[in-house]
Amino acid sequence: MKRFKIVAGIVVFLLAVSTRQTQAQYYFYDNNYYDNPLTFEIGGSIGAMNCLTDVGGRKGVGKKFIKDLVLKNTQLSGGLYVAANYKNAVSLRIEASFGKITASDSLLKSVKASTYGRYERNLSFRSSISEISLLAEIHPLYLFINWEARNQEPPRLSPYLLAGIGYFSFNPQAKLGNKWVDLQPLRTEGQGFKEFPSRKPYALKQTNFPVGVGFRYELSPILNLRAEFVYRILTTDYLDDVSRWYIDPTLYANYFSGNKLTNALLLNDRKYELNPGAVTFPGDQRGDPGDNDAYMSFNIKLGLTLGRERIRRH
């Protein structure tokens, strides 16, 4: 988080200096406003968040990217942002986003015959997501067309691409009875156990890489509306606390006691809830370590543009 505070401070300082240098340079926007080469934007968003993890999914063995997305898992999300725009062609923005994600093997019940044991695995999770990101936007209609030279009003609708780097926190939980239990401390796949030296405990705060597409529509010289889809590329497969194989449950007694031991035994393998006679052997597949998890959001944004100059008429 400290890295982003430093970056944000540098960006704000540079933008302030740039504003002074370009204050008297304008190009035509419409019949009432001129546009500074450098403008600013502040705004907020509301939308939907979902995820792709080892838990849940659709029928079959599971598919990559959004082919395995379950719309029933969609949760509310929102955010706030500040941005600097250069001639509406290139933008740099800092954004704080918040949301929730969830998934459950139980949603596979209607197609359980095709899921190769994913339904019977009976795992589920939820997690809150908090994220801060530094994003760059590219608007091709402004980058490659000089509307000022054409003496034309620029288009109100502008598609764009975005990419950047983010820092997010998550905390997978599972419901046991009427209580939600944090999963990371339970080391459900033996993370940190000496018997599994290659399985390190995963961090609950990590770096991600957002990429996406969007459309910006100018409602007026000072207000714009955006529709935006952002996909986060992650470096972890433990967004849902599921990645590899089942371990010998007797190992938990070497590391835990009391309620923590009880929770670990009940939550690392939940097949017993559907079939009390189910037998799981150490080394049986629990997740798929071949693909990292991901989460994504679709948001509607409302932005306020600062820096456009109203024409003074005499």
C-alpha atoms as a PDB file:
ATOM      1  CA  MET A   1       0.000   0.000   0.000  1.00  0.00           C
ATOM      2  CA  LYS A   2       2.905   2.353   0.757  1.00  0.00           C
ATOM      3  CA  ARG A   3       4.110   1.977  -2.831  1.00  0.00           C
ATOM      4  CA  PHE A   4       0.820   3.294  -4.178  1.00  0.00           C
ATOM      5  CA  LYS A   5       0.837   6.284  -1.818  1.00  0.00           C
ATOM      6  CA  ILE A   6       4.266   7.235  -3.135  1.00  0.00           C
ATOM      7  CA  VAL A   7       3.164   6.788  -6.760  1.00  0.00           C
ATOM      8  CA  ALA A   8      -0.022   8.787  -6.140  1.00  0.00           C
ATOM      9  CA  GLY A   9       1.980  11.632  -4.615  1.00  0.00           C
ATOM     10  CA  ILE A  10       4.338  11.762  -7.583  1.00  0.00           C
ATOM     11  CA  VAL A  11       1.445  11.726 -10.060  1.00  0.00           C
ATOM     12  CA  VAL A  12      -0.400  14.546  -8.285  1.00  0.00           C
ATOM     13  CA  PHE A  13       2.760  16.674  -8.153  1.00  0.00           C
ATOM     14  CA  LEU A  14       3.531  16.185 -11.840  1.00  0.00           C
ATOM     15  CA  LEU A  15      -0.032  16.941 -12.839  1.00  0.00           C
ATOM     16  CA  ALA A  16      -0.047  20.133 -10.803  1.00  0.00           C
ATOM     17  CA  VAL A  17       3.152  21.295 -12.497  1.00  0.00           C
ATOM     18  CA  SER A  18       1.806  20.355 -15.933  1.00  0.00           C
ATOM     19  CA  THR A  19      -1.395  22.314 -15.321  1.00  0.00           C
ATOM     20  CA  ARG A  20       0.544  25.513 -14.701  1.00  0.00           C
ATOM     21  CA  GLN A  21       2.598  25.003 -17.835  1.00  0.00           C
ATOM     22  CA  THR A  22      -0.430  24.421 -20.097  1.00  0.00           C
ATOM     23  CA  GLN A  23      -2.901  26.779 -18.486  1.00  0.00           C
ATOM     24  CA  ALA A  24      -3.106  29.125 -21.485  1.00  0.00           C
ATOM     25  CA  GLN A  25      -3.188  26.431 -24.186  1.00  0.00           C
ATOM     26  CA  TYR A  26      -6.663  25.487 -25.417  1.00  0.00           C
ATOM     27  CA  TYR A  27      -8.257  23.660 -28.279  1.00  0.00           C
ATOM     28  CA  PHE A  28     -11.868  23.721 -29.361  1.00  0.00           C
ATOM     29  CA  TYR A  29     -14.403  21.449 -27.614  1.00  0.00           C
ATOM     30  CA  ASP A  30     -17.853  22.777 -28.546  1.00  0.00           C
ATOM     31  CA  ASN A  31     -19.657  26.057 -29.017  1.00  0.00           C
ATOM     32  CA  ASN A  32     -19.536  26.837 -25.298  1.00  0.00           C
ATOM     33  CA  TYR A  33     -16.276  25.366 -23.992  1.00  0.00           C
ATOM     34  CA  TYR A  34     -12.596  25.130 -24.819  1.00  0.00           C
ATOM     35  CA  ASP A  35     -10.556  22.147 -23.709  1.00  0.00           C
ATOM     36  CA  ASN A  36      -7.233  22.376 -21.928  1.00  0.00           C
ATOM     37  CA  PRO A  37      -4.768  19.779 -23.189  1.00  0.00           C
ATOM     38  CA  LEU A  38      -4.672  18.471 -19.634  1.00  0.00           C
ATOM     39  CA  THR A  39      -7.962  17.951 -17.818  1.00  0.00           C
ATOM     40  CA  PHE A  40      -8.884  16.104 -14.649  1.00  0.00           C
ATOM     41  CA  GLU A  41     -11.726  13.824 -13.696  1.00  0.00           C
ATOM     42  CA  ILE A  42     -13.199  12.626 -10.432  1.00  0.00           C
ATOM     43  CA  GLY A  43     -15.989  10.103 -10.181  1.00  0.00           C
ATOM     44  CA  GLY A  44     -17.561   7.021  -8.734  1.00  0.00           C
ATOM     45  CA  SER A  45     -18.833   3.689  -9.954  1.00  0.00           C
ATOM     46  CA  ILE A  46     -21.356   1.010  -9.117  1.00  0.00           C
ATOM     47  CA  GLY A  47     -21.610  -2.399 -10.675  1.00  0.00           C
ATOM     48  CA  ALA A  48     -21.167  -6.139 -10.365  1.00  0.00           C
ATOM     49  CA  MET A  49     -18.258  -8.397  -9.373  1.00  0.00           C
ATOM     50  CA  ASN A  50     -17.718 -12.088 -10.065  1.00  0.00           C
ATOM     51  CA  CYS A  51     -14.863 -14.579 -10.023  1.00  0.00           C
ATOM     52  CA  LEU A  52     -13.332 -17.611 -11.698  1.00  0.00           C
ATOM     53  CA  THR A  53     -11.880 -20.077  -9.190  1.00  0.00           C
ATOM     54  CA  ASP A  54     -11.593 -23.823  -8.575  1.00  0.00           C
ATOM     55  CA  VAL A  55     -14.903 -23.838  -6.687  1.00  0.00           C
ATOM     56  CA  GLY A  56     -18.188 -24.115  -8.575  1.00  0.00           C
ATOM     57  CA  GLY A  57     -18.219 -23.399 -12.278  1.00  0.00           C
ATOM     58  CA  ARG A  58     -20.409 -24.893 -14.940  1.00  0.00           C
ATOM     59  CA  LYS A  59     -20.956 -28.406 -16.271  1.00  0.00           C
ATOM     60  CA  GLY A  60     -18.066 -30.560 -17.428  1.00  0.00           C
ATOM     61  CA  VAL A  61     -14.484 -30.477 -16.184  1.00  0.00           C
ATOM     62  CA  GLY A  62     -14.312 -26.690 -16.037  1.00  0.00           C
ATOM     63  CA  LYS A  63     -13.335 -24.237 -18.750  1.00  0.00           C
ATOM     64  CA  LYS A  64     -10.952 -21.337 -19.014  1.00  0.00           C
ATOM     65  CA  PHE A  65     -11.839 -17.667 -18.885  1.00  0.00           C
ATOM     66  CA  ILE A  66     -15.505 -16.611 -18.750  1.00  0.00           C
ATOM     67  CA  LYS A  67     -16.847 -19.882 -20.233  1.00  0.00           C
ATOM     68  CA  ASP A  68     -16.993 -21.195 -16.645  1.00  0.00           C
ATOM     69  CA  LEU A  69     -18.596 -18.064 -15.196  1.00  0.00           C
ATOM     70  CA  VAL A  70     -21.712 -18.532 -13.037  1.00  0.00           C
ATOM     71  CA  LEU A  71     -23.913 -15.440 -13.163  1.00  0.00           C
ATOM     72  CA  LYS A  72     -25.733 -16.454  -9.956  1.00  0.00           C
ATOM     73  CA  ASN A  73     -22.520 -15.662  -8.076  1.00  0.00           C
ATOM     74  CA  THR A  74     -22.568 -11.991  -9.100  1.00  0.00           C
ATOM     75  CA  GLN A  75     -22.184  -9.564  -6.199  1.00  0.00           C
ATOM     76  CA  LEU A  76     -22.410  -5.776  -5.823  1.00  0.00           C
ATOM     77  CA  SER A  77     -19.273  -3.652  -6.270  1.00  0.00           C
ATOM     78  CA  GLY A  78     -18.349   0.023  -6.298  1.00  0.00           C
ATOM     79  CA  GLY A  79     -15.467   2.451  -6.330  1.00  0.00           C
ATOM     80  CA  LEU A  80     -14.047   5.971  -6.475  1.00  0.00           C
ATOM     81  CA  TYR A  81     -11.403   7.362  -8.819  1.00  0.00           C
ATOM     82  CA  VAL A  82      -9.379  10.396  -9.840  1.00  0.00           C
ATOM     83  CA  ALA A  83      -7.813  10.740 -13.284  1.00  0.00           C
ATOM     84  CA  ALA A  84      -5.708  13.010 -15.462  1.00  0.00           C
ATOM     85  CA  ASN A  85      -6.542  13.105 -19.188  1.00  0.00           C
ATOM     86  CA  TYR A  86      -4.236  14.369 -21.923  1.00  0.00           C
ATOM     87  CA  LYS A  87      -6.253  15.627 -24.898  1.00  0.00           C
ATOM     88  CA  ASN A  88      -8.842  12.917 -24.080  1.00  0.00           C
ATOM     89  CA  ALA A  89      -6.521  10.411 -25.794  1.00  0.00           C
ATOM     90  CA  VAL A  90      -4.463   9.071 -22.901  1.00  0.00           C
ATOM     91  CA  SER A  91      -5.504   8.948 -19.253  1.00  0.00           C
ATOM     92  CA  LEU A  92      -3.883   7.949 -15.997  1.00  0.00           C
ATOM     93  CA  ARG A  93      -6.115   7.209 -13.039  1.00  0.00           C
ATOM     94  CA  ILE A  94      -5.968   5.991  -9.483  1.00  0.00           C
ATOM     95  CA  GLU A  95      -8.992   3.979  -8.377  1.00  0.00           C
ATOM     96  CA  ALA A  96     -10.188   2.374  -5.158  1.00  0.00           C
ATOM     97  CA  SER A  97     -12.602  -0.541  -5.686  1.00  0.00           C
ATOM     98  CA  PHE A  98     -14.631  -2.652  -3.284  1.00  0.00           C
ATOM     99  CA  GLY A  99     -16.770  -5.732  -3.730  1.00  0.00           C
ATOM    100  CA  LYS A 100     -17.511  -9.323  -2.802  1.00  0.00           C
ATOM    101  CA  ILE A 101     -17.050 -12.666  -4.516  1.00  0.00           C
ATOM    102  CA  THR A 102     -18.532 -16.089  -3.824  1.00  0.00           C
ATOM    103  CA  ALA A 103     -18.763 -19.559  -5.337  1.00  0.00           C
ATOM    104  CA  SER A 104     -20.216 -22.932  -4.355  1.00  0.00           C
ATOM    105  CA  ASP A 105     -20.019 -26.480  -5.661  1.00  0.00           C
ATOM    106  CA  SER A 106     -23.655 -26.942  -4.606  1.00  0.00           C
ATOM    107  CA  LEU A 107     -24.788 -24.896  -7.639  1.00  0.00           C
ATOM    108  CA  LEU A 108     -23.643 -27.812  -9.824  1.00  0.00           C
ATOM    109  CA  LYS A 109     -26.383 -30.103  -8.518  1.00  0.00           C
ATOM    110  CA  SER A 110     -28.450 -30.045 -11.720  1.00  0.00           C
ATOM    111  CA  VAL A 111     -25.421 -31.097 -13.813  1.00  0.00           C
ATOM    112  CA  LYS A 112     -23.573 -33.165 -11.202  1.00  0.00           C
ATOM    113  CA  ALA A 113     -23.293 -36.208 -13.473  1.00  0.00           C
ATOM    114  CA  SER A 114     -20.965 -34.234 -15.753  1.00  0.00           C
ATOM    115  CA  THR A 115     -18.734 -32.566 -13.140  1.00  0.00           C
ATOM    116  CA  TYR A 116     -16.377 -35.471 -12.321  1.00  0.00           C
ATOM    117  CA  GLY A 117     -16.830 -35.121  -8.569  1.00  0.00           C
ATOM    118  CA  ARG A 118     -16.840 -31.326  -8.263  1.00  0.00           C
ATOM    119  CA  TYR A 119     -20.403 -31.317  -6.983  1.00  0.00           C
ATOM    120  CA  GLU A 120     -19.641 -34.104  -4.487  1.00  0.00           C
ATOM    121  CA  ARG A 121     -16.546 -32.170  -3.306  1.00  0.00           C
ATOM    122  CA  ASN A 122     -19.069 -29.751  -1.749  1.00  0.00           C
ATOM    123  CA  LEU A 123     -16.736 -26.793  -1.143  1.00  0.00           C
ATOM    124  CA  SER A 124     -17.807 -23.151  -1.015  1.00  0.00           C
ATOM    125  CA  PHE A 125     -16.390 -19.766  -0.084  1.00  0.00           C
ATOM    126  CA  ARG A 126     -16.989 -16.030   0.071  1.00  0.00           C
ATOM    127  CA  SER A 127     -14.557 -13.132   0.282  1.00  0.00           C
ATOM    128  CA  SER A 128     -14.590  -9.359   0.449  1.00  0.00           C
ATOM    129  CA  ILE A 129     -12.319  -7.584  -2.028  1.00  0.00           C
ATOM    130  CA  SER A 130     -10.603  -4.223  -1.493  1.00  0.00           C
ATOM    131  CA  GLU A 131      -8.360  -2.910  -4.249  1.00  0.00           C
ATOM    132  CA  ILE A 132      -6.350   0.153  -5.182  1.00  0.00           C
ATOM    133  CA  SER A 133      -5.025   0.369  -8.729  1.00  0.00           C
ATOM    134  CA  LEU A 134      -3.061   2.594 -11.066  1.00  0.00           C
ATOM    135  CA  LEU A 135      -4.545   2.376 -14.575  1.00  0.00           C
ATOM    136  CA  ALA A 136      -3.693   3.772 -17.983  1.00  0.00           C
ATOM    137  CA  GLU A 137      -6.377   4.334 -20.629  1.00  0.00           C
ATOM    138  CA  ILE A 138      -5.928   4.647 -24.393  1.00  0.00           C
ATOM    139  CA  HIS A 139      -8.723   6.203 -26.495  1.00  0.00           C
ATOM    140  CA  PRO A 140      -8.028   5.349 -30.174  1.00  0.00           C
ATOM    141  CA  LEU A 141     -10.571   7.837 -31.619  1.00  0.00           C
ATOM    142  CA  TYR A 142      -8.657  10.690 -29.990  1.00  0.00           C
ATOM    143  CA  LEU A 143      -5.156   9.225 -30.221  1.00  0.00           C
ATOM    144  CA  PHE A 144      -5.187   8.688 -33.980  1.00  0.00           C
ATOM    145  CA  ILE A 145      -7.538  11.476 -35.137  1.00  0.00           C
ATOM    146  CA  ASN A 146      -6.789  15.182 -34.745  1.00  0.00           C
ATOM    147  CA  TRP A 147     -10.266  16.654 -34.339  1.00  0.00           C
ATOM    148  CA  GLU A 148      -8.856  20.133 -33.814  1.00  0.00           C
ATOM    149  CA  ALA A 149      -7.114  20.084 -37.204  1.00  0.00           C
ATOM    150  CA  ARG A 150     -10.328  18.877 -38.829  1.00  0.00           C
ATOM    151  CA  ASN A 151     -12.202  21.733 -37.177  1.00  0.00           C
ATOM    152  CA  GLN A 152     -14.780  19.199 -35.981  1.00  0.00           C
ATOM    153  CA  GLU A 153     -16.427  18.656 -32.643  1.00  0.00           C
ATOM    154  CA  PRO A 154     -14.907  15.503 -31.101  1.00  0.00           C
ATOM    155  CA  PRO A 155     -17.143  12.417 -30.780  1.00  0.00           C
ATOM    156  CA  ARG A 156     -19.210  12.083 -27.632  1.00  0.00           C
ATOM    157  CA  LEU A 157     -18.731   8.294 -27.535  1.00  0.00           C
ATOM    158  CA  SER A 158     -15.177   7.019 -27.114  1.00  0.00           C
ATOM    159  CA  PRO A 159     -14.201   3.333 -26.741  1.00  0.00           C
ATOM    160  CA  TYR A 160     -10.989   2.695 -24.828  1.00  0.00           C
ATOM    161  CA  LEU A 161      -8.579   0.048 -23.586  1.00  0.00           C
ATOM    162  CA  LEU A 162      -7.080  -0.003 -20.117  1.00  0.00           C
ATOM    163  CA  ALA A 163      -4.344  -1.819 -18.223  1.00  0.00           C
ATOM    164  CA  GLY A 164      -2.382  -1.300 -15.051  1.00  0.00           C
ATOM    165  CA  ILE A 165      -1.276  -2.686 -11.730  1.00  0.00           C
ATOM    166  CA  GLY A 166      -3.257  -3.132  -8.540  1.00  0.00           C
ATOM    167  CA  TYR A 167      -2.882  -4.127  -4.927  1.00  0.00           C
ATOM    168  CA  PHE A 168      -5.800  -6.021  -3.375  1.00  0.00           C
ATOM    169  CA  SER A 169      -6.815  -7.760  -0.188  1.00  0.00           C
ATOM    170  CA  PHE A 170      -9.047 -10.819   0.168  1.00  0.00           C
ATOM    171  CA  ASN A 171     -10.031 -13.245   2.908  1.00  0.00           C
ATOM    172  CA  PRO A 172     -11.751 -16.512   1.895  1.00  0.00           C
ATOM    173  CA  GLN A 173     -14.319 -17.769   4.379  1.00  0.00           C
ATOM    174  CA  ALA A 174     -16.584 -20.826   4.566  1.00  0.00           C
ATOM    175  CA  LYS A 175     -19.837 -21.176   6.465  1.00  0.00           C
ATOM    176  CA  LEU A 176     -19.875 -23.775   9.206  1.00  0.00           C
ATOM    177  CA  GLY A 177     -23.263 -24.001  10.843  1.00  0.00           C
ATOM    178  CA  ASN A 178     -24.326 -20.397  11.390  1.00  0.00           C
ATOM    179  CA  LYS A 179     -20.784 -19.011  11.536  1.00  0.00           C
ATOM    180  CA  TRP A 180     -18.373 -17.822   8.849  1.00  0.00           C
ATOM    181  CA  VAL A 181     -14.836 -19.135   9.412  1.00  0.00           C
ATOM    182  CA  ASP A 182     -11.620 -17.694   7.965  1.00  0.00           C
ATOM    183  CA  LEU A 183      -9.950 -20.378   5.846  1.00  0.00           C
ATOM    184  CA  GLN A 184      -6.398 -19.122   5.392  1.00  0.00           C
ATOM    185  CA  PRO A 185      -5.318 -19.768   9.036  1.00  0.00           C
ATOM    186  CA  LEU A 186      -6.569 -23.378   8.787  1.00  0.00           C
ATOM    187  CA  ARG A 187      -3.958 -24.323   6.136  1.00  0.00           C
ATOM    188  CA  THR A 188      -6.512 -26.561   4.451  1.00  0.00           C
ATOM    189  CA  GLU A 189      -3.961 -27.961   1.995  1.00  0.00           C
ATOM    190  CA  GLY A 190      -1.043 -28.163   4.429  1.00  0.00           C
ATOM    191  CA  GLN A 191       0.464 -24.777   3.599  1.00  0.00           C
ATOM    192  CA  GLY A 192       3.370 -24.154   5.964  1.00  0.00           C
ATOM    193  CA  PHE A 193       3.459 -27.733   7.261  1.00  0.00           C
ATOM    194  CA  LYS A 194       6.938 -29.289   7.317  1.00  0.00           C
ATOM    195  CA  GLU A 195       5.529 -32.297   5.468  1.00  0.00           C
ATOM    196  CA  PHE A 196       4.887 -30.013   2.457  1.00  0.00           C
ATOM    197  CA  PRO A 197       7.908 -27.688   2.169  1.00  0.00           C
ATOM    198  CA  SER A 198       6.837 -26.442  -1.281  1.00  0.00           C
ATOM    199  CA  ARG A 199       3.412 -25.306  -0.047  1.00  0.00           C
ATOM    200  CA  LYS A 200       3.870 -21.857   1.445  1.00  0.00           C
ATOM    201  CA  PRO A 201       1.049 -19.974   3.231  1.00  0.00           C
ATOM    202  CA  TYR A 202      -0.561 -17.561   0.803  1.00  0.00           C
ATOM    203  CA  ALA A 203      -0.697 -13.839   1.551  1.00  0.00           C
ATOM    204  CA  LEU A 204      -4.070 -12.112   1.919  1.00  0.00           C
ATOM    205  CA  LYS A 205      -2.709  -8.939   0.269  1.00  0.00           C
ATOM    206  CA  GLN A 206      -1.249  -9.322  -3.205  1.00  0.00           C
ATOM    207  CA  THR A 207      -0.511  -7.593  -6.493  1.00  0.00           C
ATOM    208  CA  ASN A 208      -2.818  -8.012  -9.481  1.00  0.00           C
ATOM    209  CA  PHE A 209      -2.846  -6.829 -13.090  1.00  0.00           C
ATOM    210  CA  PRO A 210      -6.139  -5.295 -14.283  1.00  0.00           C
ATOM    211  CA  VAL A 211      -6.936  -5.232 -18.012  1.00  0.00           C
ATOM    212  CA  GLY A 212     -10.178  -4.158 -19.619  1.00  0.00           C
ATOM    213  CA  VAL A 213     -12.286  -2.275 -22.110  1.00  0.00           C
ATOM    214  CA  GLY A 214     -14.777   0.525 -21.767  1.00  0.00           C
ATOM    215  CA  PHE A 215     -16.887   3.196 -23.415  1.00  0.00           C
ATOM    216  CA  ARG A 216     -17.004   6.831 -22.352  1.00  0.00           C
ATOM    217  CA  TYR A 217     -19.954   9.002 -23.345  1.00  0.00           C
ATOM    218  CA  GLU A 218     -19.860  12.779 -22.842  1.00  0.00           C
ATOM    219  CA  LEU A 219     -23.192  13.771 -21.325  1.00  0.00           C
ATOM    220  CA  SER A 220     -22.038  17.392 -21.260  1.00  0.00           C
ATOM    221  CA  PRO A 221     -18.728  19.292 -21.188  1.00  0.00           C
ATOM    222  CA  ILE A 222     -18.438  18.535 -17.471  1.00  0.00           C
ATOM    223  CA  LEU A 223     -20.159  15.145 -17.039  1.00  0.00           C
ATOM    224  CA  ASN A 224     -19.436  11.778 -18.628  1.00  0.00           C
ATOM    225  CA  LEU A 225     -20.874   8.295 -18.289  1.00  0.00           C
ATOM    226  CA  ARG A 226     -18.804   5.134 -18.673  1.00  0.00           C
ATOM    227  CA  ALA A 227     -19.463   1.426 -19.024  1.00  0.00           C
ATOM    228  CA  GLU A 228     -16.403  -0.639 -18.192  1.00  0.00           C
ATOM    229  CA  PHE A 229     -15.352  -4.288 -17.894  1.00  0.00           C
ATOM    230  CA  VAL A 230     -12.146  -5.050 -15.969  1.00  0.00           C
ATOM    231  CA  TYR A 231     -10.532  -8.490 -15.604  1.00  0.00           C
ATOM    232  CA  ARG A 232      -7.890  -8.988 -12.900  1.00  0.00           C
ATOM    233  CA  ILE A 233      -4.999 -11.305 -13.681  1.00  0.00           C
ATOM    234  CA  LEU A 234      -3.785 -12.816 -10.397  1.00  0.00           C
ATOM    235  CA  THR A 235      -0.590 -14.527  -9.322  1.00  0.00           C
ATOM    236  CA  THR A 236      -2.401 -16.766  -6.810  1.00  0.00           C
ATOM    237  CA  ASP A 237      -4.602 -19.839  -7.086  1.00  0.00           C
ATOM    238  CA  TYR A 238      -5.880 -19.419  -3.525  1.00  0.00           C
ATOM    239  CA  LEU A 239      -8.544 -16.746  -3.965  1.00  0.00           C
ATOM    240  CA  ASP A 240     -10.990 -19.480  -2.927  1.00  0.00           C
ATOM    241  CA  ASP A 241      -8.550 -21.369  -0.622  1.00  0.00           C
ATOM    242  CA  VAL A 242      -8.537 -24.283  -3.097  1.00  0.00           C
ATOM    243  CA  SER A 243      -5.646 -25.226  -5.373  1.00  0.00           C
ATOM    244  CA  ARG A 244      -4.019 -28.641  -5.006  1.00  0.00           C
ATOM    245  CA  TRP A 245      -4.628 -31.963  -3.250  1.00  0.00           C
ATOM    246  CA  TYR A 246      -6.107 -33.284  -0.044  1.00  0.00           C
ATOM    247  CA  ILE A 247      -3.695 -34.003   2.796  1.00  0.00           C
ATOM    248  CA  ASP A 248      -3.774 -36.596   5.571  1.00  0.00           C
ATOM    249  CA  PRO A 249      -6.217 -35.044   8.091  1.00  0.00           C
ATOM    250  CA  THR A 250      -4.356 -36.590  11.034  1.00  0.00           C
ATOM    251  CA  LEU A 251      -1.565 -34.034  10.412  1.00  0.00           C
ATOM    252  CA  TYR A 252      -3.708 -31.194  11.727  1.00  0.00           C
ATOM    253  CA  ALA A 253      -3.355 -32.435  15.299  1.00  0.00           C
ATOM    254  CA  ASN A 254       0.408 -31.773  15.041  1.00  0.00           C
ATOM    255  CA  TYR A 255      -0.195 -28.064  14.477  1.00  0.00           C
ATOM    256  CA  PHE A 256      -3.624 -27.099  15.842  1.00  0.00           C
ATOM    257  CA  SER A 257      -5.797 -27.687  18.873  1.00  0.00           C
ATOM    258  CA  GLY A 258      -9.233 -26.717  20.173  1.00  0.00           C
ATOM    259  CA  ASN A 259     -11.650 -24.952  17.824  1.00  0.00           C
ATOM    260  CA  LYS A 260      -8.987 -24.376  15.195  1.00  0.00           C
ATOM    261  CA  LEU A 261      -8.334 -28.119  14.951  1.00  0.00           C
ATOM    262  CA  THR A 262     -12.062 -28.850  14.774  1.00  0.00           C
ATOM    263  CA  ASN A 263     -12.614 -26.261  12.046  1.00  0.00           C
ATOM    264  CA  ALA A 264      -9.673 -27.538   9.987  1.00  0.00           C
ATOM    265  CA  LEU A 265     -10.966 -31.109  10.127  1.00  0.00           C
ATOM    266  CA  LEU A 266     -14.496 -30.087   9.165  1.00  0.00           C
ATOM    267  CA  LEU A 267     -13.623 -27.626   6.394  1.00  0.00           C
ATOM    268  CA  ASN A 268     -10.686 -29.110   4.503  1.00  0.00           C
ATOM    269  CA  ASP A 269     -12.888 -31.944   3.210  1.00  0.00           C
ATOM    270  CA  ARG A 270     -16.686 -31.497   3.171  1.00  0.00           C
ATOM    271  CA  LYS A 271     -17.767 -34.543   1.194  1.00  0.00           C
ATOM    272  CA  TYR A 272     -19.178 -36.046   4.402  1.00  0.00           C
ATOM    273  CA  GLU A 273     -22.000 -33.470   4.395  1.00  0.00           C
ATOM    274  CA  LEU A 274     -23.483 -35.006   1.233  1.00  0.00           C
ATOM    275  CA  ASN A 275     -22.277 -38.558   1.745  1.00  0.00           C
ATOM    276  CA  PRO A 276     -21.292 -39.628   5.300  1.00  0.00           C
ATOM    277  CA  GLY A 277     -19.653 -42.720   3.828  1.00  0.00           C
ATOM    278  CA  ALA A 278     -17.385 -40.830   1.402  1.00  0.00           C
ATOM    279  CA  VAL A 279     -13.707 -41.737   1.606  1.00  0.00           C
ATOM    280  CA  THR A 280     -10.954 -39.280   0.636  1.00  0.00           C
ATOM    281  CA  PHE A 281      -7.342 -40.370   0.351  1.00  0.00           C
ATOM    282  CA  PRO A 282      -4.300 -38.103   0.817  1.00  0.00           C
ATOM    283  CA  GLY A 283      -3.230 -36.973  -2.638  1.00  0.00           C
ATOM    284  CA  ASP A 284      -6.736 -36.997  -4.127  1.00  0.00           C
ATOM    285  CA  GLN A 285      -7.413 -33.951  -6.268  1.00  0.00           C
ATOM    286  CA  ARG A 286      -8.971 -31.001  -4.432  1.00  0.00           C
ATOM    287  CA  GLY A 287      -8.318 -28.223  -6.979  1.00  0.00           C
ATOM    288  CA  ASP A 288      -6.478 -27.493 -10.216  1.00  0.00           C
ATOM    289  CA  PRO A 289      -3.043 -25.883  -9.683  1.00  0.00           C
ATOM    290  CA  GLY A 290      -2.615 -25.422 -13.437  1.00  0.00           C
ATOM    291  CA  ASP A 291      -4.674 -22.204 -13.597  1.00  0.00           C
ATOM    292  CA  ASN A 292      -4.597 -19.216 -11.271  1.00  0.00           C
ATOM    293  CA  ASP A 293      -7.845 -17.691 -10.031  1.00  0.00           C
ATOM    294  CA  ALA A 294      -9.253 -14.389 -11.275  1.00  0.00           C
ATOM    295  CA  TYR A 295     -11.994 -11.887 -10.540  1.00  0.00           C
ATOM    296  CA  MET A 296     -13.662  -9.298 -12.713  1.00  0.00           C
ATOM    297  CA  SER A 297     -16.129  -6.440 -12.541  1.00  0.00           C
ATOM    298  CA  PHE A 298     -18.557  -4.584 -14.771  1.00  0.00           C
ATOM    299  CA  ASN A 299     -19.171  -1.017 -13.663  1.00  0.00           C
ATOM    300  CA  ILE A 300     -21.139   2.051 -14.630  1.00  0.00           C
ATOM    301  CA  LYS A 301     -19.146   5.199 -13.834  1.00  0.00           C
ATOM    302  CA  LEU A 302     -20.192   8.821 -13.560  1.00  0.00           C
ATOM    303  CA  GLY A 303     -17.347  11.315 -13.878  1.00  0.00           C
ATOM    304  CA  LEU A 304     -16.964  15.053 -13.392  1.00  0.00           C
ATOM    305  CA  THR A 305     -14.472  16.727 -15.758  1.00  0.00           C
ATOM    306  CA  LEU A 306     -12.419  19.628 -14.405  1.00  0.00           C
ATOM    307  CA  GLY A 307     -10.357  22.011 -16.515  1.00  0.00           C
ATOM    308  CA  ARG A 308     -12.566  22.870 -19.484  1.00  0.00           C
ATOM    309  CA  GLU A 309     -12.972  26.615 -19.975  1.00  0.00           C
ATOM    310  CA  ARG A 310     -16.316  28.237 -20.724  1.00  0.00           C
ATOM    311  CA  ILE A 311     -16.189  30.756 -23.575  1.00  0.00           C
ATOM    312  CA  ARG A 312     -16.842  34.295 -22.419  1.00  0.00           C
ATOM    313  CA  ARG A 313     -19.166  36.000 -24.834  1.00  0.00           C
ATOM    314  CA  HIS A 314     -19.428  39.780 -25.064  1.00  0.00           C
END
